[in-house]
PDB file of N, CA and C in Angstrom:
ATOM      1  N   PHE A   1      -1.637   2.893 -17.354  1.00  0.00           N
ATOM      2  CA  PHE A   1      -1.775   3.240 -15.948  1.00  0.00           C
ATOM      3  C   PHE A   1      -1.242   2.124 -15.077  1.00  0.00           C
ATOM      4  N   THR A   2      -1.728   0.927 -15.231  1.00  0.00           N
ATOM      5  CA  THR A   2      -1.331  -0.186 -14.373  1.00  0.00           C
ATOM      6  C   THR A   2       0.144  -0.511 -14.528  1.00  0.00           C
ATOM      7  N   PHE A   3       0.627  -0.591 -15.769  1.00  0.00           N
ATOM      8  CA  PHE A   3       2.026  -0.915 -15.998  1.00  0.00           C
ATOM      9  C   PHE A   3       2.935   0.127 -15.368  1.00  0.00           C
ATOM     10  N   SER A   4       2.591   1.388 -15.517  1.00  0.00           N
ATOM     11  CA  SER A   4       3.403   2.464 -14.978  1.00  0.00           C
ATOM     12  C   SER A   4       3.489   2.391 -13.462  1.00  0.00           C
ATOM     13  N   LEU A   5       2.356   2.174 -12.786  1.00  0.00           N
ATOM     14  CA  LEU A   5       2.377   2.085 -11.331  1.00  0.00           C
ATOM     15  C   LEU A   5       3.076   0.823 -10.862  1.00  0.00           C
ATOM     16  N   CYS A   6       2.889  -0.281 -11.569  1.00  0.00           N
ATOM     17  CA  CYS A   6       3.594  -1.521 -11.202  1.00  0.00           C
ATOM     18  C   CYS A   6       5.090  -1.337 -11.322  1.00  0.00           C
ATOM     19  N   THR A   7       5.524  -0.682 -12.384  1.00  0.00           N
ATOM     20  CA  THR A   7       6.943  -0.397 -12.555  1.00  0.00           C
ATOM     21  C   THR A   7       7.436   0.477 -11.411  1.00  0.00           C
ATOM     22  N   GLY A   8       6.646   1.477 -11.026  1.00  0.00           N
ATOM     23  CA  GLY A   8       7.015   2.362  -9.929  1.00  0.00           C
ATOM     24  C   GLY A   8       7.120   1.626  -8.613  1.00  0.00           C
ATOM     25  N   ILE A   9       6.187   0.728  -8.355  1.00  0.00           N
ATOM     26  CA  ILE A   9       6.204  -0.023  -7.105  1.00  0.00           C
ATOM     27  C   ILE A   9       7.437  -0.916  -7.036  1.00  0.00           C
ATOM     28  N   LEU A  10       7.827  -1.486  -8.163  1.00  0.00           N
ATOM     29  CA  LEU A  10       8.980  -2.383  -8.198  1.00  0.00           C
ATOM     30  C   LEU A  10      10.305  -1.642  -8.282  1.00  0.00           C
ATOM     31  N   SER A  11      10.264  -0.338  -8.498  1.00  0.00           N
ATOM     32  CA  SER A  11      11.486   0.465  -8.632  1.00  0.00           C
ATOM     33  C   SER A  11      11.701   1.295  -7.367  1.00  0.00           C
ATOM     34  N   ASP A  12      12.521   2.332  -7.510  1.00  0.00           N
ATOM     35  CA  ASP A  12      12.784   3.191  -6.356  1.00  0.00           C
ATOM     36  C   ASP A  12      11.701   4.266  -6.230  1.00  0.00           C
ATOM     37  N   ASP A  13      11.817   5.070  -5.189  1.00  0.00           N
ATOM     38  CA  ASP A  13      10.804   6.083  -4.906  1.00  0.00           C
ATOM     39  C   ASP A  13      10.686   7.134  -6.003  1.00  0.00           C
ATOM     40  N   HIS A  14      11.774   7.423  -6.692  1.00  0.00           N
ATOM     41  CA  HIS A  14      11.720   8.423  -7.773  1.00  0.00           C
ATOM     42  C   HIS A  14      10.833   7.926  -8.913  1.00  0.00           C
ATOM     43  N   VAL A  15      10.965   6.677  -9.269  1.00  0.00           N
ATOM     44  CA  VAL A  15      10.156   6.100 -10.345  1.00  0.00           C
ATOM     45  C   VAL A  15       8.697   6.020  -9.910  1.00  0.00           C
ATOM     46  N   LEU A  16       8.455   5.611  -8.663  1.00  0.00           N
ATOM     47  CA  LEU A  16       7.091   5.550  -8.148  1.00  0.00           C
ATOM     48  C   LEU A  16       6.474   6.946  -8.118  1.00  0.00           C
ATOM     49  N   ALA A  17       7.214   7.925  -7.646  1.00  0.00           N
ATOM     50  CA  ALA A  17       6.703   9.302  -7.597  1.00  0.00           C
ATOM     51  C   ALA A  17       6.351   9.794  -8.993  1.00  0.00           C
ATOM     52  N   ALA A  18       7.176   9.487  -9.969  1.00  0.00           N
ATOM     53  CA  ALA A  18       6.891   9.908 -11.348  1.00  0.00           C
ATOM     54  C   ALA A  18       5.615   9.238 -11.867  1.00  0.00           C
ATOM     55  N   ALA A  19       5.432   7.964 -11.558  1.00  0.00           N
ATOM     56  CA  ALA A  19       4.232   7.250 -12.007  1.00  0.00           C
ATOM     57  C   ALA A  19       2.984   7.821 -11.333  1.00  0.00           C
ATOM     58  N   LEU A  20       3.060   8.111 -10.043  1.00  0.00           N
ATOM     59  CA  LEU A  20       1.925   8.696  -9.336  1.00  0.00           C
ATOM     60  C   LEU A  20       1.629  10.094  -9.866  1.00  0.00           C
ATOM     61  N   TRP A  21       2.670  10.871 -10.122  1.00  0.00           N
ATOM     62  CA  TRP A  21       2.519  12.233 -10.646  1.00  0.00           C
ATOM     63  C   TRP A  21       1.811  12.210 -12.000  1.00  0.00           C
ATOM     64  N   ARG A  22       2.209  11.269 -12.858  1.00  0.00           N
ATOM     65  CA  ARG A  22       1.583  11.170 -14.186  1.00  0.00           C
ATOM     66  C   ARG A  22       0.155  10.653 -14.105  1.00  0.00           C
ATOM     67  N   ASN A  23      -0.067   9.594 -13.309  1.00  0.00           N
ATOM     68  CA  ASN A  23      -1.332   8.879 -13.351  1.00  0.00           C
ATOM     69  C   ASN A  23      -2.388   9.384 -12.374  1.00  0.00           C
ATOM     70  N   LEU A  24      -1.997   9.778 -11.189  1.00  0.00           N
ATOM     71  CA  LEU A  24      -2.983  10.225 -10.206  1.00  0.00           C
ATOM     72  C   LEU A  24      -3.104  11.748 -10.147  1.00  0.00           C
ATOM     73  N   PHE A  25      -1.986  12.418 -10.313  1.00  0.00           N
ATOM     74  CA  PHE A  25      -2.008  13.875 -10.254  1.00  0.00           C
ATOM     75  C   PHE A  25      -2.173  14.509 -11.638  1.00  0.00           C
ATOM     76  N   ASN A  26      -2.202  13.687 -12.684  1.00  0.00           N
ATOM     77  CA  ASN A  26      -2.352  14.172 -14.055  1.00  0.00           C
ATOM     78  C   ASN A  26      -1.316  15.254 -14.386  1.00  0.00           C
ATOM     79  N   LYS A  27      -0.107  15.071 -13.877  1.00  0.00           N
ATOM     80  CA  LYS A  27       1.037  15.964 -14.083  1.00  0.00           C
ATOM     81  C   LYS A  27       0.824  17.359 -13.507  1.00  0.00           C
ATOM     82  N   HIS A  28      -0.080  17.482 -12.537  1.00  0.00           N
ATOM     83  CA  HIS A  28      -0.326  18.772 -11.872  1.00  0.00           C
ATOM     84  C   HIS A  28      -0.332  18.559 -10.370  1.00  0.00           C
ATOM     85  N   CYS A  29       0.756  18.901  -9.725  1.00  0.00           N
ATOM     86  CA  CYS A  29       0.861  18.779  -8.271  1.00  0.00           C
ATOM     87  C   CYS A  29       1.588  20.015  -7.773  1.00  0.00           C
ATOM     88  N   GLU A  30       0.830  20.916  -7.160  1.00  0.00           N
ATOM     89  CA  GLU A  30       1.423  22.173  -6.705  1.00  0.00           C
ATOM     90  C   GLU A  30       2.178  22.030  -5.387  1.00  0.00           C
ATOM     91  N   ASP A  31       1.867  20.991  -4.628  1.00  0.00           N
ATOM     92  CA  ASP A  31       2.528  20.777  -3.346  1.00  0.00           C
ATOM     93  C   ASP A  31       3.254  19.437  -3.374  1.00  0.00           C
ATOM     94  N   PRO A  32       4.573  19.438  -3.514  1.00  0.00           N
ATOM     95  CA  PRO A  32       5.317  18.178  -3.588  1.00  0.00           C
ATOM     96  C   PRO A  32       5.178  17.314  -2.336  1.00  0.00           C
ATOM     97  N   ARG A  33       4.763  17.915  -1.214  1.00  0.00           N
ATOM     98  CA  ARG A  33       4.559  17.130   0.006  1.00  0.00           C
ATOM     99  C   ARG A  33       3.404  16.141  -0.175  1.00  0.00           C
ATOM    100  N   GLN A  34       2.410  16.489  -1.000  1.00  0.00           N
ATOM    101  CA  GLN A  34       1.311  15.564  -1.271  1.00  0.00           C
ATOM    102  C   GLN A  34       1.822  14.332  -2.013  1.00  0.00           C
ATOM    103  N   LEU A  35       2.695  14.553  -2.975  1.00  0.00           N
ATOM    104  CA  LEU A  35       3.278  13.438  -3.721  1.00  0.00           C
ATOM    105  C   LEU A  35       4.154  12.586  -2.815  1.00  0.00           C
ATOM    106  N   GLU A  36       4.919  13.227  -1.963  1.00  0.00           N
ATOM    107  CA  GLU A  36       5.768  12.498  -1.014  1.00  0.00           C
ATOM    108  C   GLU A  36       4.917  11.652  -0.058  1.00  0.00           C
ATOM    109  N   LEU A  37       3.818  12.212   0.414  1.00  0.00           N
ATOM    110  CA  LEU A  37       2.913  11.488   1.305  1.00  0.00           C
ATOM    111  C   LEU A  37       2.319  10.273   0.596  1.00  0.00           C
ATOM    112  N   LEU A  38       1.964  10.422  -0.663  1.00  0.00           N
ATOM    113  CA  LEU A  38       1.386   9.313  -1.412  1.00  0.00           C
ATOM    114  C   LEU A  38       2.418   8.215  -1.677  1.00  0.00           C
ATOM    115  N   VAL A  39       3.659   8.586  -1.944  1.00  0.00           N
ATOM    116  CA  VAL A  39       4.722   7.595  -2.119  1.00  0.00           C
ATOM    117  C   VAL A  39       4.896   6.805  -0.821  1.00  0.00           C
ATOM    118  N   GLU A  40       4.941   7.499   0.315  1.00  0.00           N
ATOM    119  CA  GLU A  40       5.050   6.821   1.605  1.00  0.00           C
ATOM    120  C   GLU A  40       3.866   5.894   1.833  1.00  0.00           C
ATOM    121  N   TYR A  41       2.671   6.350   1.477  1.00  0.00           N
ATOM    122  CA  TYR A  41       1.462   5.553   1.665  1.00  0.00           C
ATOM    123  C   TYR A  41       1.519   4.269   0.840  1.00  0.00           C
ATOM    124  N   VAL A  42       1.909   4.370  -0.419  1.00  0.00           N
ATOM    125  CA  VAL A  42       1.997   3.186  -1.283  1.00  0.00           C
ATOM    126  C   VAL A  42       3.025   2.212  -0.727  1.00  0.00           C
ATOM    127  N   ARG A  43       4.184   2.705  -0.317  1.00  0.00           N
ATOM    128  CA  ARG A  43       5.220   1.835   0.253  1.00  0.00           C
ATOM    129  C   ARG A  43       4.725   1.159   1.529  1.00  0.00           C
ATOM    130  N   LYS A  44       4.026   1.916   2.379  1.00  0.00           N
ATOM    131  CA  LYS A  44       3.501   1.369   3.632  1.00  0.00           C
ATOM    132  C   LYS A  44       2.473   0.274   3.336  1.00  0.00           C
ATOM    133  N   GLN A  45       1.600   0.499   2.364  1.00  0.00           N
ATOM    134  CA  GLN A  45       0.589  -0.501   2.023  1.00  0.00           C
ATOM    135  C   GLN A  45       1.239  -1.758   1.445  1.00  0.00           C
ATOM    136  N   MET A  46       2.265  -1.598   0.633  1.00  0.00           N
ATOM    137  CA  MET A  46       2.953  -2.759   0.057  1.00  0.00           C
ATOM    138  C   MET A  46       3.621  -3.579   1.155  1.00  0.00           C
ATOM    139  N   GLN A  47       4.243  -2.909   2.113  1.00  0.00           N
ATOM    140  CA  GLN A  47       4.871  -3.614   3.233  1.00  0.00           C
ATOM    141  C   GLN A  47       3.808  -4.339   4.048  1.00  0.00           C
ATOM    142  N   TYR A  48       2.681  -3.708   4.252  1.00  0.00           N
ATOM    143  CA  TYR A  48       1.586  -4.301   5.002  1.00  0.00           C
ATOM    144  C   TYR A  48       1.035  -5.531   4.271  1.00  0.00           C
ATOM    145  N   LEU A  49       0.829  -5.420   2.954  1.00  0.00           N
ATOM    146  CA  LEU A  49       0.331  -6.556   2.169  1.00  0.00           C
ATOM    147  C   LEU A  49       1.309  -7.718   2.192  1.00  0.00           C
ATOM    148  N   ASP A  50       2.595  -7.411   2.156  1.00  0.00           N
ATOM    149  CA  ASP A  50       3.607  -8.472   2.224  1.00  0.00           C
ATOM    150  C   ASP A  50       3.542  -9.241   3.539  1.00  0.00           C
ATOM    151  N   ALA A  51       3.060  -8.591   4.603  1.00  0.00           N
ATOM    152  CA  ALA A  51       3.008  -9.225   5.918  1.00  0.00           C
ATOM    153  C   ALA A  51       1.759 -10.080   6.107  1.00  0.00           C
ATOM    154  N   ILE A  52       0.788  -9.955   5.204  1.00  0.00           N
ATOM    155  CA  ILE A  52      -0.449 -10.718   5.338  1.00  0.00           C
ATOM    156  C   ILE A  52      -0.199 -12.171   4.936  1.00  0.00           C
ATOM    157  N   ASN A  53      -0.732 -13.084   5.738  1.00  0.00           N
ATOM    158  CA  ASN A  53      -0.646 -14.501   5.428  1.00  0.00           C
ATOM    159  C   ASN A  53      -1.487 -14.768   4.182  1.00  0.00           C
ATOM    160  N   GLY A  54      -0.872 -15.350   3.151  1.00  0.00           N
ATOM    161  CA  GLY A  54      -1.557 -15.595   1.886  1.00  0.00           C
ATOM    162  C   GLY A  54      -2.782 -16.473   2.017  1.00  0.00           C
ATOM    163  N   GLU A  55      -2.716 -17.485   2.870  1.00  0.00           N
ATOM    164  CA  GLU A  55      -3.871 -18.369   3.064  1.00  0.00           C
ATOM    165  C   GLU A  55      -5.032 -17.615   3.701  1.00  0.00           C
ATOM    166  N   ASP A  56      -4.731 -16.781   4.697  1.00  0.00           N
ATOM    167  CA  ASP A  56      -5.777 -15.979   5.332  1.00  0.00           C
ATOM    168  C   ASP A  56      -6.427 -15.041   4.321  1.00  0.00           C
ATOM    169  N   LEU A  57      -5.611 -14.446   3.489  1.00  0.00           N
ATOM    170  CA  LEU A  57      -6.134 -13.524   2.478  1.00  0.00           C
ATOM    171  C   LEU A  57      -7.041 -14.254   1.495  1.00  0.00           C
ATOM    172  N   LEU A  58      -6.634 -15.448   1.077  1.00  0.00           N
ATOM    173  CA  LEU A  58      -7.460 -16.216   0.146  1.00  0.00           C
ATOM    174  C   LEU A  58      -8.771 -16.663   0.791  1.00  0.00           C
ATOM    175  N   LEU A  59      -8.720 -17.029   2.076  1.00  0.00           N
ATOM    176  CA  LEU A  59      -9.931 -17.497   2.751  1.00  0.00           C
ATOM    177  C   LEU A  59     -10.914 -16.371   3.042  1.00  0.00           C
ATOM    178  N   THR A  60     -10.405 -15.210   3.428  1.00  0.00           N
ATOM    179  CA  THR A  60     -11.297 -14.115   3.808  1.00  0.00           C
ATOM    180  C   THR A  60     -11.540 -13.142   2.656  1.00  0.00           C
ATOM    181  N   GLY A  61     -10.536 -12.922   1.837  1.00  0.00           N
ATOM    182  CA  GLY A  61     -10.652 -11.937   0.765  1.00  0.00           C
ATOM    183  C   GLY A  61     -10.724 -10.513   1.282  1.00  0.00           C
ATOM    184  N   GLU A  62     -10.380 -10.332   2.546  1.00  0.00           N
ATOM    185  CA  GLU A  62     -10.499  -9.012   3.167  1.00  0.00           C
ATOM    186  C   GLU A  62      -9.138  -8.435   3.505  1.00  0.00           C
ATOM    187  N   VAL A  63      -8.987  -7.161   3.194  1.00  0.00           N
ATOM    188  CA  VAL A  63      -7.791  -6.415   3.565  1.00  0.00           C
ATOM    189  C   VAL A  63      -8.252  -5.149   4.259  1.00  0.00           C
ATOM    190  N   THR A  64      -7.742  -4.899   5.444  1.00  0.00           N
ATOM    191  CA  THR A  64      -8.008  -3.644   6.136  1.00  0.00           C
ATOM    192  C   THR A  64      -6.808  -2.739   5.870  1.00  0.00           C
ATOM    193  N   TRP A  65      -7.022  -1.718   5.046  1.00  0.00           N
ATOM    194  CA  TRP A  65      -5.910  -0.848   4.646  1.00  0.00           C
ATOM    195  C   TRP A  65      -5.462   0.009   5.809  1.00  0.00           C
ATOM    196  N   ARG A  66      -4.207   0.321   5.818  1.00  0.00           N
ATOM    197  CA  ARG A  66      -3.647   1.204   6.834  1.00  0.00           C
ATOM    198  C   ARG A  66      -4.055   2.629   6.522  1.00  0.00           C
ATOM    199  N   PRO A  67      -4.177   3.480   7.540  1.00  0.00           N
ATOM    200  CA  PRO A  67      -4.582   4.869   7.307  1.00  0.00           C
ATOM    201  C   PRO A  67      -3.506   5.660   6.565  1.00  0.00           C
ATOM    202  N   LEU A  68      -3.931   6.722   5.916  1.00  0.00           N
ATOM    203  CA  LEU A  68      -2.999   7.570   5.179  1.00  0.00           C
ATOM    204  C   LEU A  68      -1.971   8.179   6.123  1.00  0.00           C
ATOM    205  N   VAL A  69      -2.425   8.684   7.240  1.00  0.00           N
ATOM    206  CA  VAL A  69      -1.533   9.313   8.217  1.00  0.00           C
ATOM    207  C   VAL A  69      -1.679   8.570   9.534  1.00  0.00           C
ATOM    208  N   GLU A  70      -0.558   8.212  10.137  1.00  0.00           N
ATOM    209  CA  GLU A  70      -0.539   7.510  11.422  1.00  0.00           C
ATOM    210  C   GLU A  70       0.284   8.303  12.419  1.00  0.00           C
ATOM    211  N   SER A  71      -0.066   8.184  13.688  1.00  0.00           N
ATOM    212  CA  SER A  71       0.702   8.894  14.711  1.00  0.00           C
ATOM    213  C   SER A  71       2.109   8.323  14.834  1.00  0.00           C
ATOM    214  N   ASN A  72       2.261   7.013  14.618  1.00  0.00           N
ATOM    215  CA  ASN A  72       3.569   6.377  14.667  1.00  0.00           C
ATOM    216  C   ASN A  72       3.813   5.698  13.322  1.00  0.00           C
ATOM    217  N   ALA A  73       4.369   6.427  12.382  1.00  0.00           N
ATOM    218  CA  ALA A  73       4.543   5.927  11.016  1.00  0.00           C
ATOM    219  C   ALA A  73       5.502   4.744  10.945  1.00  0.00           C
ATOM    220  N   GLN A  74       6.301   4.532  11.965  1.00  0.00           N
ATOM    221  CA  GLN A  74       7.259   3.428  11.963  1.00  0.00           C
ATOM    222  C   GLN A  74       6.619   2.122  12.423  1.00  0.00           C
ATOM    223  N   SER A  75       5.352   2.176  12.812  1.00  0.00           N
ATOM    224  CA  SER A  75       4.710   0.997  13.393  1.00  0.00           C
ATOM    225  C   SER A  75       4.104   0.107  12.312  1.00  0.00           C
ATOM    226  N   ILE A  76       4.934  -0.547  11.560  1.00  0.00           N
ATOM    227  CA  ILE A  76       4.444  -1.492  10.565  1.00  0.00           C
ATOM    228  C   ILE A  76       4.211  -2.807  11.300  1.00  0.00           C
ATOM    229  N   LEU A  77       2.977  -3.004  11.711  1.00  0.00           N
ATOM    230  CA  LEU A  77       2.633  -4.183  12.495  1.00  0.00           C
ATOM    231  C   LEU A  77       2.116  -5.287  11.599  1.00  0.00           C
ATOM    232  N   LYS A  78       2.363  -6.504  12.003  1.00  0.00           N
ATOM    233  CA  LYS A  78       1.825  -7.642  11.270  1.00  0.00           C
ATOM    234  C   LYS A  78       0.315  -7.660  11.466  1.00  0.00           C
ATOM    235  N   PRO A  79      -0.433  -7.831  10.394  1.00  0.00           N
ATOM    236  CA  PRO A  79      -1.884  -7.877  10.525  1.00  0.00           C
ATOM    237  C   PRO A  79      -2.325  -9.053  11.385  1.00  0.00           C
ATOM    238  N   THR A  80      -3.443  -8.878  12.056  1.00  0.00           N
ATOM    239  CA  THR A  80      -3.966  -9.972  12.877  1.00  0.00           C
ATOM    240  C   THR A  80      -4.549 -11.054  11.991  1.00  0.00           C
ATOM    241  N   SER A  81      -4.378 -12.281  12.399  1.00  0.00           N
ATOM    242  CA  SER A  81      -4.915 -13.402  11.647  1.00  0.00           C
ATOM    243  C   SER A  81      -6.405 -13.552  11.979  1.00  0.00           C
ATOM    244  N   PRO A  82      -7.211 -13.861  10.988  1.00  0.00           N
ATOM    245  CA  PRO A  82      -8.641 -14.045  11.250  1.00  0.00           C
ATOM    246  C   PRO A  82      -8.896 -15.324  12.040  1.00  0.00           C
ATOM    247  N   ALA A  83     -10.008 -15.355  12.742  1.00  0.00           N
ATOM    248  CA  ALA A  83     -10.408 -16.566  13.479  1.00  0.00           C
ATOM    249  C   ALA A  83     -11.309 -17.390  12.598  1.00  0.00           C
ATOM    250  N   TYR A  84     -11.099 -18.688  12.603  1.00  0.00           N
ATOM    251  CA  TYR A  84     -11.893 -19.606  11.780  1.00  0.00           C
ATOM    252  C   TYR A  84     -12.713 -20.525  12.669  1.00  0.00           C
ATOM    253  N   ASN A  85     -13.847 -20.985  12.158  1.00  0.00           N
ATOM    254  CA  ASN A  85     -14.647 -21.962  12.894  1.00  0.00           C
ATOM    255  C   ASN A  85     -14.108 -23.367  12.613  1.00  0.00           C
ATOM    256  N   ASP A  86     -14.784 -24.383  13.092  1.00  0.00           N
ATOM    257  CA  ASP A  86     -14.304 -25.758  12.965  1.00  0.00           C
ATOM    258  C   ASP A  86     -14.171 -26.230  11.523  1.00  0.00           C
ATOM    259  N   GLU A  87     -14.960 -25.642  10.626  1.00  0.00           N
ATOM    260  CA  GLU A  87     -14.880 -26.036   9.227  1.00  0.00           C
ATOM    261  C   GLU A  87     -13.795 -25.275   8.465  1.00  0.00           C
ATOM    262  N   GLY A  88     -13.063 -24.428   9.154  1.00  0.00           N
ATOM    263  CA  GLY A  88     -12.043 -23.630   8.508  1.00  0.00           C
ATOM    264  C   GLY A  88     -12.579 -22.365   7.871  1.00  0.00           C
ATOM    265  N   LEU A  89     -13.812 -22.003   8.210  1.00  0.00           N
ATOM    266  CA  LEU A  89     -14.432 -20.798   7.654  1.00  0.00           C
ATOM    267  C   LEU A  89     -14.588 -19.724   8.700  1.00  0.00           C
TER     268      LEU A  89
END
């Protein structure tokens, strides 16, 4: 499961769609739009994770995932940086 999805994430959308179809849909997806939506969602989340500051992520351990459906799907915004107190916490 993990290897297949990792390969899909690192490959093109066709490979990712095949991995999602096998692993999440158990090879049964009657509506291809659902698979297309999930491919878009995974790509959007990966782009969002890439924009997160690694130090902030390590300090907070928190990720606020983007919604499945957005009114403006092109709005890949940089996540807000957390506020720290004087001790860096």
